Amino acid sequence: MAGPPMAGPPAGGPPAGGYPVQATRIVHVPDAEAAAAELAGWLRPGDAVLIKGPRAMGLERTAELVLGGSPQ
């Protein structure tokens, strides 16, 4: 028997001091190189990024470029 759906924040709530304020930006780009170039201006050491798109776009290349790989 399942309980009622969860509502509100996860158990325990936010850490002391609350969550840091973060901006959300969604950008559509034509290829992996353009995605890496767009990210370069936003990322700082320690940031985490979700790179999502169709497999055919070659997003592994975007990840390589973001991590400092050389362009092909």
PDB file of N, CA and C in Angstrom:
ATOM      1  N   MET A   1       0.839  -1.177   0.000  1.00  0.00           N
ATOM      2  CA  MET A   1       0.000   0.000   0.000  1.00  0.00           C
ATOM      3  C   MET A   1       0.879   1.234   0.000  1.00  0.00           C
ATOM      4  N   ALA A   2       0.680   2.090  -0.955  1.00  0.00           N
ATOM      5  CA  ALA A   2       1.480   3.305  -1.065  1.00  0.00           C
ATOM      6  C   ALA A   2       0.875   4.408  -0.217  1.00  0.00           C
ATOM      7  N   GLY A   3       1.746   5.247   0.347  1.00  0.00           N
ATOM      8  CA  GLY A   3       1.299   6.380   1.145  1.00  0.00           C
ATOM      9  C   GLY A   3       0.909   7.549   0.253  1.00  0.00           C
ATOM     10  N   PRO A   4       0.513   8.647   0.866  1.00  0.00           N
ATOM     11  CA  PRO A   4       0.139   9.825   0.088  1.00  0.00           C
ATOM     12  C   PRO A   4       1.350  10.404  -0.626  1.00  0.00           C
ATOM     13  N   PRO A   5       1.145  11.118  -1.729  1.00  0.00           N
ATOM     14  CA  PRO A   5       2.279  11.720  -2.432  1.00  0.00           C
ATOM     15  C   PRO A   5       2.981  12.718  -1.532  1.00  0.00           C
ATOM     16  N   MET A   6       4.299  12.814  -1.705  1.00  0.00           N
ATOM     17  CA  MET A   6       5.074  13.753  -0.900  1.00  0.00           C
ATOM     18  C   MET A   6       4.773  15.184  -1.326  1.00  0.00           C
ATOM     19  N   ALA A   7       4.738  16.063  -0.378  1.00  0.00           N
ATOM     20  CA  ALA A   7       4.551  17.482  -0.658  1.00  0.00           C
ATOM     21  C   ALA A   7       5.586  18.259   0.121  1.00  0.00           C
ATOM     22  N   GLY A   8       6.040  19.375  -0.413  1.00  0.00           N
ATOM     23  CA  GLY A   8       7.004  20.205   0.293  1.00  0.00           C
ATOM     24  C   GLY A   8       8.425  19.737   0.084  1.00  0.00           C
ATOM     25  N   PRO A   9       9.363  20.329   0.824  1.00  0.00           N
ATOM     26  CA  PRO A   9      10.780  20.009   0.642  1.00  0.00           C
ATOM     27  C   PRO A   9      11.101  18.615   1.148  1.00  0.00           C
ATOM     28  N   PRO A  10      12.223  18.041   0.693  1.00  0.00           N
ATOM     29  CA  PRO A  10      12.627  16.730   1.179  1.00  0.00           C
ATOM     30  C   PRO A  10      12.819  16.763   2.687  1.00  0.00           C
ATOM     31  N   ALA A  11      12.730  15.593   3.310  1.00  0.00           N
ATOM     32  CA  ALA A  11      12.904  15.502   4.763  1.00  0.00           C
ATOM     33  C   ALA A  11      14.230  16.132   5.160  1.00  0.00           C
ATOM     34  N   GLY A  12      14.210  16.910   6.206  1.00  0.00           N
ATOM     35  CA  GLY A  12      15.420  17.539   6.702  1.00  0.00           C
ATOM     36  C   GLY A  12      15.518  18.993   6.300  1.00  0.00           C
ATOM     37  N   GLY A  13      14.863  19.381   5.221  1.00  0.00           N
ATOM     38  CA  GLY A  13      14.869  20.780   4.794  1.00  0.00           C
ATOM     39  C   GLY A  13      16.228  21.239   4.298  1.00  0.00           C
ATOM     40  N   PRO A  14      16.351  22.522   3.997  1.00  0.00           N
ATOM     41  CA  PRO A  14      17.605  23.048   3.443  1.00  0.00           C
ATOM     42  C   PRO A  14      18.696  23.086   4.505  1.00  0.00           C
ATOM     43  N   PRO A  15      19.959  23.108   4.079  1.00  0.00           N
ATOM     44  CA  PRO A  15      21.049  23.212   5.034  1.00  0.00           C
ATOM     45  C   PRO A  15      21.003  24.559   5.750  1.00  0.00           C
ATOM     46  N   ALA A  16      21.682  24.654   6.871  1.00  0.00           N
ATOM     47  CA  ALA A  16      21.718  25.910   7.616  1.00  0.00           C
ATOM     48  C   ALA A  16      22.139  27.039   6.683  1.00  0.00           C
ATOM     49  N   GLY A  17      21.440  28.130   6.715  1.00  0.00           N
ATOM     50  CA  GLY A  17      21.756  29.243   5.824  1.00  0.00           C
ATOM     51  C   GLY A  17      21.009  29.180   4.517  1.00  0.00           C
ATOM     52  N   GLY A  18      20.263  28.109   4.269  1.00  0.00           N
ATOM     53  CA  GLY A  18      19.475  28.000   3.044  1.00  0.00           C
ATOM     54  C   GLY A  18      20.312  27.565   1.849  1.00  0.00           C
ATOM     55  N   TYR A  19      19.670  27.496   0.721  1.00  0.00           N
ATOM     56  CA  TYR A  19      20.339  27.117  -0.514  1.00  0.00           C
ATOM     57  C   TYR A  19      20.943  28.349  -1.166  1.00  0.00           C
ATOM     58  N   PRO A  20      22.071  28.202  -1.886  1.00  0.00           N
ATOM     59  CA  PRO A  20      22.626  29.355  -2.593  1.00  0.00           C
ATOM     60  C   PRO A  20      21.699  29.747  -3.746  1.00  0.00           C
ATOM     61  N   VAL A  21      21.694  31.011  -4.075  1.00  0.00           N
ATOM     62  CA  VAL A  21      20.880  31.493  -5.186  1.00  0.00           C
ATOM     63  C   VAL A  21      21.586  31.106  -6.478  1.00  0.00           C
ATOM     64  N   GLN A  22      20.844  30.491  -7.401  1.00  0.00           N
ATOM     65  CA  GLN A  22      21.423  30.068  -8.663  1.00  0.00           C
ATOM     66  C   GLN A  22      20.530  30.520  -9.803  1.00  0.00           C
ATOM     67  N   ALA A  23      21.149  30.989 -10.867  1.00  0.00           N
ATOM     68  CA  ALA A  23      20.401  31.356 -12.060  1.00  0.00           C
ATOM     69  C   ALA A  23      20.271  30.128 -12.953  1.00  0.00           C
ATOM     70  N   THR A  24      19.152  29.991 -13.606  1.00  0.00           N
ATOM     71  CA  THR A  24      18.946  28.922 -14.568  1.00  0.00           C
ATOM     72  C   THR A  24      18.933  29.541 -15.952  1.00  0.00           C
ATOM     73  N   ARG A  25      19.702  28.955 -16.846  1.00  0.00           N
ATOM     74  CA  ARG A  25      19.744  29.458 -18.217  1.00  0.00           C
ATOM     75  C   ARG A  25      19.668  28.270 -19.158  1.00  0.00           C
ATOM     76  N   ILE A  26      18.755  28.343 -20.091  1.00  0.00           N
ATOM     77  CA  ILE A  26      18.609  27.296 -21.103  1.00  0.00           C
ATOM     78  C   ILE A  26      18.966  27.928 -22.441  1.00  0.00           C
ATOM     79  N   VAL A  27      19.900  27.292 -23.147  1.00  0.00           N
ATOM     80  CA  VAL A  27      20.390  27.832 -24.415  1.00  0.00           C
ATOM     81  C   VAL A  27      20.374  26.718 -25.451  1.00  0.00           C
ATOM     82  N   HIS A  28      19.924  27.029 -26.638  1.00  0.00           N
ATOM     83  CA  HIS A  28      19.966  26.076 -27.751  1.00  0.00           C
ATOM     84  C   HIS A  28      21.115  26.482 -28.669  1.00  0.00           C
ATOM     85  N   VAL A  29      21.963  25.521 -29.023  1.00  0.00           N
ATOM     86  CA  VAL A  29      23.122  25.784 -29.873  1.00  0.00           C
ATOM     87  C   VAL A  29      23.160  24.775 -31.009  1.00  0.00           C
ATOM     88  N   PRO A  30      23.845  25.116 -32.111  1.00  0.00           N
ATOM     89  CA  PRO A  30      23.829  24.238 -33.280  1.00  0.00           C
ATOM     90  C   PRO A  30      24.743  23.019 -33.210  1.00  0.00           C
ATOM     91  N   ASP A  31      25.809  23.063 -32.387  1.00  0.00           N
ATOM     92  CA  ASP A  31      26.741  21.944 -32.357  1.00  0.00           C
ATOM     93  C   ASP A  31      27.532  21.912 -31.054  1.00  0.00           C
ATOM     94  N   ALA A  32      28.358  20.873 -30.919  1.00  0.00           N
ATOM     95  CA  ALA A  32      29.120  20.666 -29.691  1.00  0.00           C
ATOM     96  C   ALA A  32      30.090  21.806 -29.412  1.00  0.00           C
ATOM     97  N   GLU A  33      30.735  22.314 -30.443  1.00  0.00           N
ATOM     98  CA  GLU A  33      31.694  23.395 -30.258  1.00  0.00           C
ATOM     99  C   GLU A  33      31.007  24.667 -29.770  1.00  0.00           C
ATOM    100  N   ALA A  34      29.839  24.973 -30.308  1.00  0.00           N
ATOM    101  CA  ALA A  34      29.087  26.152 -29.867  1.00  0.00           C
ATOM    102  C   ALA A  34      28.621  25.979 -28.423  1.00  0.00           C
ATOM    103  N   ALA A  35      28.263  24.760 -28.050  1.00  0.00           N
ATOM    104  CA  ALA A  35      27.848  24.504 -26.667  1.00  0.00           C
ATOM    105  C   ALA A  35      29.015  24.740 -25.713  1.00  0.00           C
ATOM    106  N   ALA A  36      30.195  24.244 -26.074  1.00  0.00           N
ATOM    107  CA  ALA A  36      31.370  24.436 -25.223  1.00  0.00           C
ATOM    108  C   ALA A  36      31.732  25.907 -25.118  1.00  0.00           C
ATOM    109  N   ALA A  37      31.636  26.639 -26.223  1.00  0.00           N
ATOM    110  CA  ALA A  37      31.946  28.071 -26.204  1.00  0.00           C
ATOM    111  C   ALA A  37      30.962  28.818 -25.307  1.00  0.00           C
ATOM    112  N   GLU A  38      29.696  28.463 -25.372  1.00  0.00           N
ATOM    113  CA  GLU A  38      28.675  29.100 -24.526  1.00  0.00           C
ATOM    114  C   GLU A  38      28.960  28.828 -23.046  1.00  0.00           C
ATOM    115  N   LEU A  39      29.310  27.598 -22.737  1.00  0.00           N
ATOM    116  CA  LEU A  39      29.574  27.228 -21.346  1.00  0.00           C
ATOM    117  C   LEU A  39      30.830  27.898 -20.791  1.00  0.00           C
ATOM    118  N   ALA A  40      31.835  28.115 -21.638  1.00  0.00           N
ATOM    119  CA  ALA A  40      33.113  28.652 -21.182  1.00  0.00           C
ATOM    120  C   ALA A  40      32.955  29.966 -20.421  1.00  0.00           C
ATOM    121  N   GLY A  41      32.024  30.787 -20.829  1.00  0.00           N
ATOM    122  CA  GLY A  41      31.819  32.067 -20.165  1.00  0.00           C
ATOM    123  C   GLY A  41      31.067  31.976 -18.855  1.00  0.00           C
ATOM    124  N   TRP A  42      30.480  30.845 -18.575  1.00  0.00           N
ATOM    125  CA  TRP A  42      29.646  30.689 -17.383  1.00  0.00           C
ATOM    126  C   TRP A  42      30.284  29.846 -16.294  1.00  0.00           C
ATOM    127  N   LEU A  43      31.121  28.898 -16.671  1.00  0.00           N
ATOM    128  CA  LEU A  43      31.624  27.928 -15.703  1.00  0.00           C
ATOM    129  C   LEU A  43      32.775  28.463 -14.865  1.00  0.00           C
ATOM    130  N   ARG A  44      32.805  28.013 -13.625  1.00  0.00           N
ATOM    131  CA  ARG A  44      33.878  28.327 -12.689  1.00  0.00           C
ATOM    132  C   ARG A  44      34.367  26.999 -12.111  1.00  0.00           C
ATOM    133  N   PRO A  45      35.599  26.951 -11.601  1.00  0.00           N
ATOM    134  CA  PRO A  45      36.084  25.693 -11.013  1.00  0.00           C
ATOM    135  C   PRO A  45      35.113  25.172  -9.954  1.00  0.00           C
ATOM    136  N   GLY A  46      34.846  23.884 -10.032  1.00  0.00           N
ATOM    137  CA  GLY A  46      33.944  23.246  -9.077  1.00  0.00           C
ATOM    138  C   GLY A  46      32.503  23.176  -9.529  1.00  0.00           C
ATOM    139  N   ASP A  47      32.146  23.852 -10.633  1.00  0.00           N
ATOM    140  CA  ASP A  47      30.779  23.805 -11.136  1.00  0.00           C
ATOM    141  C   ASP A  47      30.460  22.424 -11.703  1.00  0.00           C
ATOM    142  N   ALA A  48      29.196  22.061 -11.650  1.00  0.00           N
ATOM    143  CA  ALA A  48      28.704  20.825 -12.252  1.00  0.00           C
ATOM    144  C   ALA A  48      27.760  21.212 -13.383  1.00  0.00           C
ATOM    145  N   VAL A  49      27.800  20.459 -14.469  1.00  0.00           N
ATOM    146  CA  VAL A  49      26.991  20.775 -15.650  1.00  0.00           C
ATOM    147  C   VAL A  49      26.303  19.521 -16.147  1.00  0.00           C
ATOM    148  N   LEU A  50      25.033  19.652 -16.505  1.00  0.00           N
ATOM    149  CA  LEU A  50      24.317  18.587 -17.186  1.00  0.00           C
ATOM    150  C   LEU A  50      24.304  18.960 -18.661  1.00  0.00           C
ATOM    151  N   ILE A  51      24.926  18.126 -19.485  1.00  0.00           N
ATOM    152  CA  ILE A  51      24.948  18.356 -20.931  1.00  0.00           C
ATOM    153  C   ILE A  51      23.972  17.366 -21.527  1.00  0.00           C
ATOM    154  N   LYS A  52      22.914  17.890 -22.139  1.00  0.00           N
ATOM    155  CA  LYS A  52      21.837  17.014 -22.606  1.00  0.00           C
ATOM    156  C   LYS A  52      21.447  17.383 -24.032  1.00  0.00           C
ATOM    157  N   GLY A  53      21.223  16.372 -24.835  1.00  0.00           N
ATOM    158  CA  GLY A  53      20.790  16.589 -26.206  1.00  0.00           C
ATOM    159  C   GLY A  53      20.796  15.269 -26.944  1.00  0.00           C
ATOM    160  N   PRO A  54      20.483  15.312 -28.230  1.00  0.00           N
ATOM    161  CA  PRO A  54      20.458  14.078 -29.008  1.00  0.00           C
ATOM    162  C   PRO A  54      21.852  13.477 -29.149  1.00  0.00           C
ATOM    163  N   ARG A  55      21.911  12.166 -29.113  1.00  0.00           N
ATOM    164  CA  ARG A  55      23.189  11.448 -29.228  1.00  0.00           C
ATOM    165  C   ARG A  55      23.938  11.862 -30.495  1.00  0.00           C
ATOM    166  N   ALA A  56      23.225  12.098 -31.568  1.00  0.00           N
ATOM    167  CA  ALA A  56      23.842  12.450 -32.851  1.00  0.00           C
ATOM    168  C   ALA A  56      24.581  13.782 -32.803  1.00  0.00           C
ATOM    169  N   MET A  57      24.302  14.608 -31.814  1.00  0.00           N
ATOM    170  CA  MET A  57      24.959  15.915 -31.715  1.00  0.00           C
ATOM    171  C   MET A  57      26.410  15.780 -31.247  1.00  0.00           C
ATOM    172  N   GLY A  58      26.791  14.624 -30.716  1.00  0.00           N
ATOM    173  CA  GLY A  58      28.171  14.416 -30.291  1.00  0.00           C
ATOM    174  C   GLY A  58      28.520  15.185 -29.032  1.00  0.00           C
ATOM    175  N   LEU A  59      27.666  15.123 -28.040  1.00  0.00           N
ATOM    176  CA  LEU A  59      27.887  15.910 -26.832  1.00  0.00           C
ATOM    177  C   LEU A  59      29.084  15.443 -26.014  1.00  0.00           C
ATOM    178  N   GLU A  60      29.608  14.253 -26.319  1.00  0.00           N
ATOM    179  CA  GLU A  60      30.852  13.845 -25.674  1.00  0.00           C
ATOM    180  C   GLU A  60      31.932  14.858 -26.020  1.00  0.00           C
ATOM    181  N   ARG A  61      31.883  15.365 -27.237  1.00  0.00           N
ATOM    182  CA  ARG A  61      32.848  16.378 -27.700  1.00  0.00           C
ATOM    183  C   ARG A  61      32.713  17.658 -26.885  1.00  0.00           C
ATOM    184  N   THR A  62      31.491  18.054 -26.567  1.00  0.00           N
ATOM    185  CA  THR A  62      31.279  19.241 -25.735  1.00  0.00           C
ATOM    186  C   THR A  62      31.945  19.038 -24.383  1.00  0.00           C
ATOM    187  N   ALA A  63      31.735  17.882 -23.779  1.00  0.00           N
ATOM    188  CA  ALA A  63      32.343  17.605 -22.480  1.00  0.00           C
ATOM    189  C   ALA A  63      33.861  17.652 -22.576  1.00  0.00           C
ATOM    190  N   GLU A  64      34.435  17.076 -23.636  1.00  0.00           N
ATOM    191  CA  GLU A  64      35.890  17.109 -23.823  1.00  0.00           C
ATOM    192  C   GLU A  64      36.395  18.545 -23.921  1.00  0.00           C
ATOM    193  N   LEU A  65      35.704  19.364 -24.687  1.00  0.00           N
ATOM    194  CA  LEU A  65      36.120  20.760 -24.862  1.00  0.00           C
ATOM    195  C   LEU A  65      36.008  21.544 -23.556  1.00  0.00           C
ATOM    196  N   VAL A  66      34.933  21.311 -22.818  1.00  0.00           N
ATOM    197  CA  VAL A  66      34.751  22.000 -21.543  1.00  0.00           C
ATOM    198  C   VAL A  66      35.864  21.622 -20.574  1.00  0.00           C
ATOM    199  N   LEU A  67      36.305  20.383 -20.639  1.00  0.00           N
ATOM    200  CA  LEU A  67      37.373  19.908 -19.757  1.00  0.00           C
ATOM    201  C   LEU A  67      38.772  20.268 -20.256  1.00  0.00           C
ATOM    202  N   GLY A  68      38.846  21.008 -21.355  1.00  0.00           N
ATOM    203  CA  GLY A  68      40.141  21.476 -21.832  1.00  0.00           C
ATOM    204  C   GLY A  68      40.705  20.725 -23.002  1.00  0.00           C
ATOM    205  N   GLY A  69      39.907  19.869 -23.649  1.00  0.00           N
ATOM    206  CA  GLY A  69      40.380  19.139 -24.821  1.00  0.00           C
ATOM    207  C   GLY A  69      40.581  20.083 -25.995  1.00  0.00           C
ATOM    208  N   SER A  70      41.431  19.665 -26.920  1.00  0.00           N
ATOM    209  CA  SER A  70      41.694  20.515 -28.076  1.00  0.00           C
ATOM    210  C   SER A  70      40.614  20.328 -29.142  1.00  0.00           C
ATOM    211  N   PRO A  71      40.303  21.394 -29.886  1.00  0.00           N
ATOM    212  CA  PRO A  71      39.303  21.285 -30.958  1.00  0.00           C
ATOM    213  C   PRO A  71      39.818  20.374 -32.062  1.00  0.00           C
ATOM    214  N   GLN A  72      38.901  19.717 -32.767  1.00  0.00           N
ATOM    215  CA  GLN A  72      39.294  18.821 -33.870  1.00  0.00           C
ATOM    216  C   GLN A  72      39.221  19.548 -35.180  1.00  0.00           C
TER     217      GLN A  72
END
